[in-house]
Amino acid sequence: MKLHSIEQLHGIAETLGAQKQMTDMSKMLQIRSVQQSQNEEPCFATDKNYCCGKDCEWREDCHALQAVWLWS
């Protein structure tokens, strides 16, 4: 899987009908919102991020090394 860009994330949110709410959110909060919309646990970038399966759509983004300030 590849890392998701903000544009791709907005496209996913739009498909789920959540685009309007997500325009001012950080990438982390947007992904968690998408996870909730898909009836999944909003675990992105939490302590549970290494418990996910290999088929998780957000795995590469979640496990990528990032500076903490990028998630704010």
PDB file of N, CA and C in Angstrom:
ATOM      1  N   MET A   1       0.833  -1.187   0.000  1.00  0.00           N
ATOM      2  CA  MET A   1       0.000   0.000   0.000  1.00  0.00           C
ATOM      3  C   MET A   1       0.874   1.245   0.000  1.00  0.00           C
ATOM      4  N   LYS A   2       0.316   2.332  -0.474  1.00  0.00           N
ATOM      5  CA  LYS A   2       1.062   3.580  -0.519  1.00  0.00           C
ATOM      6  C   LYS A   2       0.507   4.566   0.493  1.00  0.00           C
ATOM      7  N   LEU A   3       1.280   5.592   0.770  1.00  0.00           N
ATOM      8  CA  LEU A   3       0.818   6.641   1.671  1.00  0.00           C
ATOM      9  C   LEU A   3      -0.284   7.439   0.998  1.00  0.00           C
ATOM     10  N   HIS A   4      -1.232   7.912   1.767  1.00  0.00           N
ATOM     11  CA  HIS A   4      -2.356   8.692   1.245  1.00  0.00           C
ATOM     12  C   HIS A   4      -2.038  10.186   1.304  1.00  0.00           C
ATOM     13  N   SER A   5      -2.344  10.879   0.260  1.00  0.00           N
ATOM     14  CA  SER A   5      -2.195  12.339   0.272  1.00  0.00           C
ATOM     15  C   SER A   5      -3.461  12.942   0.868  1.00  0.00           C
ATOM     16  N   ILE A   6      -3.384  14.200   1.235  1.00  0.00           N
ATOM     17  CA  ILE A   6      -4.553  14.903   1.758  1.00  0.00           C
ATOM     18  C   ILE A   6      -5.663  14.902   0.712  1.00  0.00           C
ATOM     19  N   GLU A   7      -5.305  15.073  -0.556  1.00  0.00           N
ATOM     20  CA  GLU A   7      -6.302  15.084  -1.624  1.00  0.00           C
ATOM     21  C   GLU A   7      -7.024  13.733  -1.706  1.00  0.00           C
ATOM     22  N   GLN A   8      -6.278  12.636  -1.589  1.00  0.00           N
ATOM     23  CA  GLN A   8      -6.888  11.313  -1.610  1.00  0.00           C
ATOM     24  C   GLN A   8      -7.804  11.131  -0.405  1.00  0.00           C
ATOM     25  N   LEU A   9      -7.360  11.614   0.733  1.00  0.00           N
ATOM     26  CA  LEU A   9      -8.149  11.519   1.945  1.00  0.00           C
ATOM     27  C   LEU A   9      -9.457  12.289   1.808  1.00  0.00           C
ATOM     28  N   HIS A  10      -9.400  13.489   1.221  1.00  0.00           N
ATOM     29  CA  HIS A  10     -10.613  14.267   0.988  1.00  0.00           C
ATOM     30  C   HIS A  10     -11.548  13.529   0.027  1.00  0.00           C
ATOM     31  N   GLY A  11     -10.994  12.848  -0.958  1.00  0.00           N
ATOM     32  CA  GLY A  11     -11.812  12.075  -1.897  1.00  0.00           C
ATOM     33  C   GLY A  11     -12.529  10.934  -1.201  1.00  0.00           C
ATOM     34  N   ILE A  12     -11.830  10.240  -0.308  1.00  0.00           N
ATOM     35  CA  ILE A  12     -12.449   9.158   0.453  1.00  0.00           C
ATOM     36  C   ILE A  12     -13.555   9.716   1.336  1.00  0.00           C
ATOM     37  N   ALA A  13     -13.273  10.833   1.994  1.00  0.00           N
ATOM     38  CA  ALA A  13     -14.269  11.457   2.866  1.00  0.00           C
ATOM     39  C   ALA A  13     -15.494  11.894   2.074  1.00  0.00           C
ATOM     40  N   GLU A  14     -15.275  12.430   0.894  1.00  0.00           N
ATOM     41  CA  GLU A  14     -16.385  12.876   0.049  1.00  0.00           C
ATOM     42  C   GLU A  14     -17.255  11.684  -0.347  1.00  0.00           C
ATOM     43  N   THR A  15     -16.625  10.581  -0.672  1.00  0.00           N
ATOM     44  CA  THR A  15     -17.352   9.368  -1.021  1.00  0.00           C
ATOM     45  C   THR A  15     -18.220   8.897   0.140  1.00  0.00           C
ATOM     46  N   LEU A  16     -17.711   9.079   1.364  1.00  0.00           N
ATOM     47  CA  LEU A  16     -18.454   8.657   2.548  1.00  0.00           C
ATOM     48  C   LEU A  16     -19.440   9.717   3.028  1.00  0.00           C
ATOM     49  N   GLY A  17     -19.458  10.872   2.373  1.00  0.00           N
ATOM     50  CA  GLY A  17     -20.370  11.940   2.761  1.00  0.00           C
ATOM     51  C   GLY A  17     -19.896  12.747   3.946  1.00  0.00           C
ATOM     52  N   ALA A  18     -18.617  12.695   4.256  1.00  0.00           N
ATOM     53  CA  ALA A  18     -18.095  13.395   5.425  1.00  0.00           C
ATOM     54  C   ALA A  18     -17.201  14.567   5.052  1.00  0.00           C
ATOM     55  N   GLN A  19     -17.112  14.933   3.792  1.00  0.00           N
ATOM     56  CA  GLN A  19     -16.186  15.967   3.330  1.00  0.00           C
ATOM     57  C   GLN A  19     -16.398  17.311   4.017  1.00  0.00           C
ATOM     58  N   LYS A  20     -17.624  17.742   4.158  1.00  0.00           N
ATOM     59  CA  LYS A  20     -17.895  19.067   4.708  1.00  0.00           C
ATOM     60  C   LYS A  20     -17.346  19.209   6.123  1.00  0.00           C
ATOM     61  N   GLN A  21     -17.458  18.186   6.936  1.00  0.00           N
ATOM     62  CA  GLN A  21     -16.983  18.240   8.312  1.00  0.00           C
ATOM     63  C   GLN A  21     -15.469  18.206   8.402  1.00  0.00           C
ATOM     64  N   MET A  22     -14.800  17.711   7.396  1.00  0.00           N
ATOM     65  CA  MET A  22     -13.380  17.407   7.502  1.00  0.00           C
ATOM     66  C   MET A  22     -12.444  18.469   6.948  1.00  0.00           C
ATOM     67  N   THR A  23     -12.943  19.554   6.441  1.00  0.00           N
ATOM     68  CA  THR A  23     -12.075  20.496   5.755  1.00  0.00           C
ATOM     69  C   THR A  23     -11.043  21.147   6.661  1.00  0.00           C
ATOM     70  N   ASP A  24     -11.334  21.316   7.941  1.00  0.00           N
ATOM     71  CA  ASP A  24     -10.403  21.986   8.842  1.00  0.00           C
ATOM     72  C   ASP A  24      -9.671  21.038   9.787  1.00  0.00           C
ATOM     73  N   MET A  25      -9.840  19.755   9.615  1.00  0.00           N
ATOM     74  CA  MET A  25      -9.209  18.786  10.510  1.00  0.00           C
ATOM     75  C   MET A  25      -7.794  18.437  10.061  1.00  0.00           C
ATOM     76  N   SER A  26      -6.974  18.015  11.019  1.00  0.00           N
ATOM     77  CA  SER A  26      -5.653  17.506  10.679  1.00  0.00           C
ATOM     78  C   SER A  26      -5.805  16.160   9.981  1.00  0.00           C
ATOM     79  N   LYS A  27      -4.750  15.725   9.315  1.00  0.00           N
ATOM     80  CA  LYS A  27      -4.784  14.440   8.615  1.00  0.00           C
ATOM     81  C   LYS A  27      -5.125  13.318   9.588  1.00  0.00           C
ATOM     82  N   MET A  28      -4.554  13.340  10.793  1.00  0.00           N
ATOM     83  CA  MET A  28      -4.812  12.304  11.776  1.00  0.00           C
ATOM     84  C   MET A  28      -6.296  12.254  12.118  1.00  0.00           C
ATOM     85  N   LEU A  29      -6.897  13.396  12.394  1.00  0.00           N
ATOM     86  CA  LEU A  29      -8.313  13.428  12.745  1.00  0.00           C
ATOM     87  C   LEU A  29      -9.193  13.058  11.564  1.00  0.00           C
ATOM     88  N   GLN A  30      -8.773  13.426  10.367  1.00  0.00           N
ATOM     89  CA  GLN A  30      -9.539  13.058   9.170  1.00  0.00           C
ATOM     90  C   GLN A  30      -9.566  11.546   8.998  1.00  0.00           C
ATOM     91  N   ILE A  31      -8.428  10.914   9.157  1.00  0.00           N
ATOM     92  CA  ILE A  31      -8.359   9.456   8.991  1.00  0.00           C
ATOM     93  C   ILE A  31      -9.188   8.772  10.068  1.00  0.00           C
ATOM     94  N   ARG A  32      -9.098   9.254  11.298  1.00  0.00           N
ATOM     95  CA  ARG A  32      -9.916   8.667  12.369  1.00  0.00           C
ATOM     96  C   ARG A  32     -11.403   8.841  12.070  1.00  0.00           C
ATOM     97  N   SER A  33     -11.775   9.989  11.516  1.00  0.00           N
ATOM     98  CA  SER A  33     -13.170  10.229  11.151  1.00  0.00           C
ATOM     99  C   SER A  33     -13.622   9.255  10.067  1.00  0.00           C
ATOM    100  N   VAL A  34     -12.765   9.024   9.079  1.00  0.00           N
ATOM    101  CA  VAL A  34     -13.077   8.055   8.020  1.00  0.00           C
ATOM    102  C   VAL A  34     -13.205   6.663   8.630  1.00  0.00           C
ATOM    103  N   GLN A  35     -12.303   6.300   9.543  1.00  0.00           N
ATOM    104  CA  GLN A  35     -12.388   4.994  10.189  1.00  0.00           C
ATOM    105  C   GLN A  35     -13.735   4.829  10.900  1.00  0.00           C
ATOM    106  N   GLN A  36     -14.156   5.853  11.630  1.00  0.00           N
ATOM    107  CA  GLN A  36     -15.447   5.795  12.320  1.00  0.00           C
ATOM    108  C   GLN A  36     -16.592   5.675  11.317  1.00  0.00           C
ATOM    109  N   SER A  37     -16.515   6.408  10.215  1.00  0.00           N
ATOM    110  CA  SER A  37     -17.563   6.347   9.189  1.00  0.00           C
ATOM    111  C   SER A  37     -17.683   4.952   8.596  1.00  0.00           C
ATOM    112  N   GLN A  38     -16.580   4.205   8.610  1.00  0.00           N
ATOM    113  CA  GLN A  38     -16.561   2.845   8.077  1.00  0.00           C
ATOM    114  C   GLN A  38     -16.803   1.806   9.175  1.00  0.00           C
ATOM    115  N   ASN A  39     -17.297   2.278  10.347  1.00  0.00           N
ATOM    116  CA  ASN A  39     -17.570   1.407  11.499  1.00  0.00           C
ATOM    117  C   ASN A  39     -16.336   0.639  11.952  1.00  0.00           C
ATOM    118  N   GLU A  40     -15.188   1.306  11.883  1.00  0.00           N
ATOM    119  CA  GLU A  40     -13.936   0.733  12.368  1.00  0.00           C
ATOM    120  C   GLU A  40     -13.509   1.513  13.602  1.00  0.00           C
ATOM    121  N   GLU A  41     -12.640   0.908  14.401  1.00  0.00           N
ATOM    122  CA  GLU A  41     -12.113   1.624  15.556  1.00  0.00           C
ATOM    123  C   GLU A  41     -11.203   2.744  15.057  1.00  0.00           C
ATOM    124  N   PRO A  42     -11.365   3.973  15.557  1.00  0.00           N
ATOM    125  CA  PRO A  42     -10.505   5.077  15.135  1.00  0.00           C
ATOM    126  C   PRO A  42      -9.135   4.986  15.811  1.00  0.00           C
ATOM    127  N   CYS A  43      -8.306   4.087  15.308  1.00  0.00           N
ATOM    128  CA  CYS A  43      -7.035   3.771  15.965  1.00  0.00           C
ATOM    129  C   CYS A  43      -5.815   4.429  15.314  1.00  0.00           C
ATOM    130  N   PHE A  44      -6.034   5.185  14.238  1.00  0.00           N
ATOM    131  CA  PHE A  44      -4.895   5.752  13.506  1.00  0.00           C
ATOM    132  C   PHE A  44      -4.018   6.594  14.422  1.00  0.00           C
ATOM    133  N   ALA A  45      -2.717   6.324  14.416  1.00  0.00           N
ATOM    134  CA  ALA A  45      -1.706   7.058  15.188  1.00  0.00           C
ATOM    135  C   ALA A  45      -1.992   7.047  16.684  1.00  0.00           C
ATOM    136  N   THR A  46      -2.525   5.914  17.175  1.00  0.00           N
ATOM    137  CA  THR A  46      -2.719   5.726  18.612  1.00  0.00           C
ATOM    138  C   THR A  46      -1.823   4.586  19.065  1.00  0.00           C
ATOM    139  N   ASP A  47      -1.908   4.252  20.339  1.00  0.00           N
ATOM    140  CA  ASP A  47      -1.131   3.128  20.865  1.00  0.00           C
ATOM    141  C   ASP A  47      -1.526   1.801  20.234  1.00  0.00           C
ATOM    142  N   LYS A  48      -2.690   1.738  19.624  1.00  0.00           N
ATOM    143  CA  LYS A  48      -3.181   0.504  19.008  1.00  0.00           C
ATOM    144  C   LYS A  48      -2.732   0.361  17.559  1.00  0.00           C
ATOM    145  N   ASN A  49      -1.910   1.274  17.066  1.00  0.00           N
ATOM    146  CA  ASN A  49      -1.563   1.270  15.641  1.00  0.00           C
ATOM    147  C   ASN A  49      -0.777   0.047  15.187  1.00  0.00           C
ATOM    148  N   TYR A  50      -0.179  -0.695  16.090  1.00  0.00           N
ATOM    149  CA  TYR A  50       0.559  -1.888  15.680  1.00  0.00           C
ATOM    150  C   TYR A  50      -0.262  -3.164  15.851  1.00  0.00           C
ATOM    151  N   CYS A  51      -1.523  -3.013  16.216  1.00  0.00           N
ATOM    152  CA  CYS A  51      -2.413  -4.168  16.376  1.00  0.00           C
ATOM    153  C   CYS A  51      -3.229  -4.433  15.119  1.00  0.00           C
ATOM    154  N   CYS A  52      -3.132  -3.544  14.136  1.00  0.00           N
ATOM    155  CA  CYS A  52      -3.966  -3.683  12.947  1.00  0.00           C
ATOM    156  C   CYS A  52      -3.445  -4.791  12.034  1.00  0.00           C
ATOM    157  N   GLY A  53      -4.315  -5.231  11.171  1.00  0.00           N
ATOM    158  CA  GLY A  53      -3.949  -6.271  10.221  1.00  0.00           C
ATOM    159  C   GLY A  53      -3.248  -5.693   9.005  1.00  0.00           C
ATOM    160  N   LYS A  54      -2.660  -6.559   8.235  1.00  0.00           N
ATOM    161  CA  LYS A  54      -1.939  -6.123   7.038  1.00  0.00           C
ATOM    162  C   LYS A  54      -2.860  -5.559   5.974  1.00  0.00           C
ATOM    163  N   ASP A  55      -4.155  -5.797   6.083  1.00  0.00           N
ATOM    164  CA  ASP A  55      -5.095  -5.286   5.092  1.00  0.00           C
ATOM    165  C   ASP A  55      -5.653  -3.908   5.456  1.00  0.00           C
ATOM    166  N   CYS A  56      -5.147  -3.298   6.509  1.00  0.00           N
ATOM    167  CA  CYS A  56      -5.611  -1.968   6.919  1.00  0.00           C
ATOM    168  C   CYS A  56      -5.218  -0.936   5.857  1.00  0.00           C
ATOM    169  N   GLU A  57      -6.195  -0.186   5.414  1.00  0.00           N
ATOM    170  CA  GLU A  57      -5.973   0.834   4.380  1.00  0.00           C
ATOM    171  C   GLU A  57      -4.987   1.914   4.823  1.00  0.00           C
ATOM    172  N   TRP A  58      -4.892   2.164   6.112  1.00  0.00           N
ATOM    173  CA  TRP A  58      -4.091   3.273   6.636  1.00  0.00           C
ATOM    174  C   TRP A  58      -2.741   2.820   7.198  1.00  0.00           C
ATOM    175  N   ARG A  59      -2.421   1.541   7.105  1.00  0.00           N
ATOM    176  CA  ARG A  59      -1.225   0.979   7.729  1.00  0.00           C
ATOM    177  C   ARG A  59       0.062   1.730   7.356  1.00  0.00           C
ATOM    178  N   GLU A  60       0.286   1.964   6.079  1.00  0.00           N
ATOM    179  CA  GLU A  60       1.524   2.634   5.648  1.00  0.00           C
ATOM    180  C   GLU A  60       1.607   4.056   6.195  1.00  0.00           C
ATOM    181  N   ASP A  61       0.492   4.782   6.163  1.00  0.00           N
ATOM    182  CA  ASP A  61       0.468   6.137   6.707  1.00  0.00           C
ATOM    183  C   ASP A  61       0.721   6.112   8.211  1.00  0.00           C
ATOM    184  N   CYS A  62       0.092   5.176   8.876  1.00  0.00           N
ATOM    185  CA  CYS A  62       0.158   5.086  10.327  1.00  0.00           C
ATOM    186  C   CYS A  62       1.553   4.702  10.810  1.00  0.00           C
ATOM    187  N   HIS A  63       2.193   3.816  10.100  1.00  0.00           N
ATOM    188  CA  HIS A  63       3.503   3.319  10.526  1.00  0.00           C
ATOM    189  C   HIS A  63       4.670   4.132   9.970  1.00  0.00           C
ATOM    190  N   ALA A  64       4.393   5.084   9.113  1.00  0.00           N
ATOM    191  CA  ALA A  64       5.468   5.915   8.569  1.00  0.00           C
ATOM    192  C   ALA A  64       6.049   6.787   9.677  1.00  0.00           C
ATOM    193  N   LEU A  65       7.340   6.926   9.672  1.00  0.00           N
ATOM    194  CA  LEU A  65       7.970   7.798  10.655  1.00  0.00           C
ATOM    195  C   LEU A  65       7.611   9.238  10.342  1.00  0.00           C
ATOM    196  N   GLN A  66       7.046   9.914  11.315  1.00  0.00           N
ATOM    197  CA  GLN A  66       6.617  11.297  11.152  1.00  0.00           C
ATOM    198  C   GLN A  66       7.016  12.081  12.392  1.00  0.00           C
ATOM    199  N   ALA A  67       7.306  13.322  12.195  1.00  0.00           N
ATOM    200  CA  ALA A  67       7.524  14.209  13.332  1.00  0.00           C
ATOM    201  C   ALA A  67       6.165  14.468  13.989  1.00  0.00           C
ATOM    202  N   VAL A  68       6.135  14.575  15.302  1.00  0.00           N
ATOM    203  CA  VAL A  68       4.881  14.766  16.027  1.00  0.00           C
ATOM    204  C   VAL A  68       4.153  15.999  15.544  1.00  0.00           C
ATOM    205  N   TRP A  69       4.850  17.073  15.217  1.00  0.00           N
ATOM    206  CA  TRP A  69       4.187  18.309  14.826  1.00  0.00           C
ATOM    207  C   TRP A  69       3.411  18.164  13.520  1.00  0.00           C
ATOM    208  N   LEU A  70       3.713  17.156  12.709  1.00  0.00           N
ATOM    209  CA  LEU A  70       2.981  16.956  11.468  1.00  0.00           C
ATOM    210  C   LEU A  70       1.549  16.516  11.715  1.00  0.00           C
ATOM    211  N   TRP A  71       1.247  15.943  12.847  1.00  0.00           N
ATOM    212  CA  TRP A  71      -0.080  15.427  13.151  1.00  0.00           C
ATOM    213  C   TRP A  71      -0.960  16.462  13.834  1.00  0.00           C
ATOM    214  N   SER A  72      -0.473  17.622  14.028  1.00  0.00           N
ATOM    215  CA  SER A  72      -1.296  18.646  14.685  1.00  0.00           C
ATOM    216  C   SER A  72      -2.014  19.510  13.687  1.00  0.00           C
TER     217      SER A  72
END
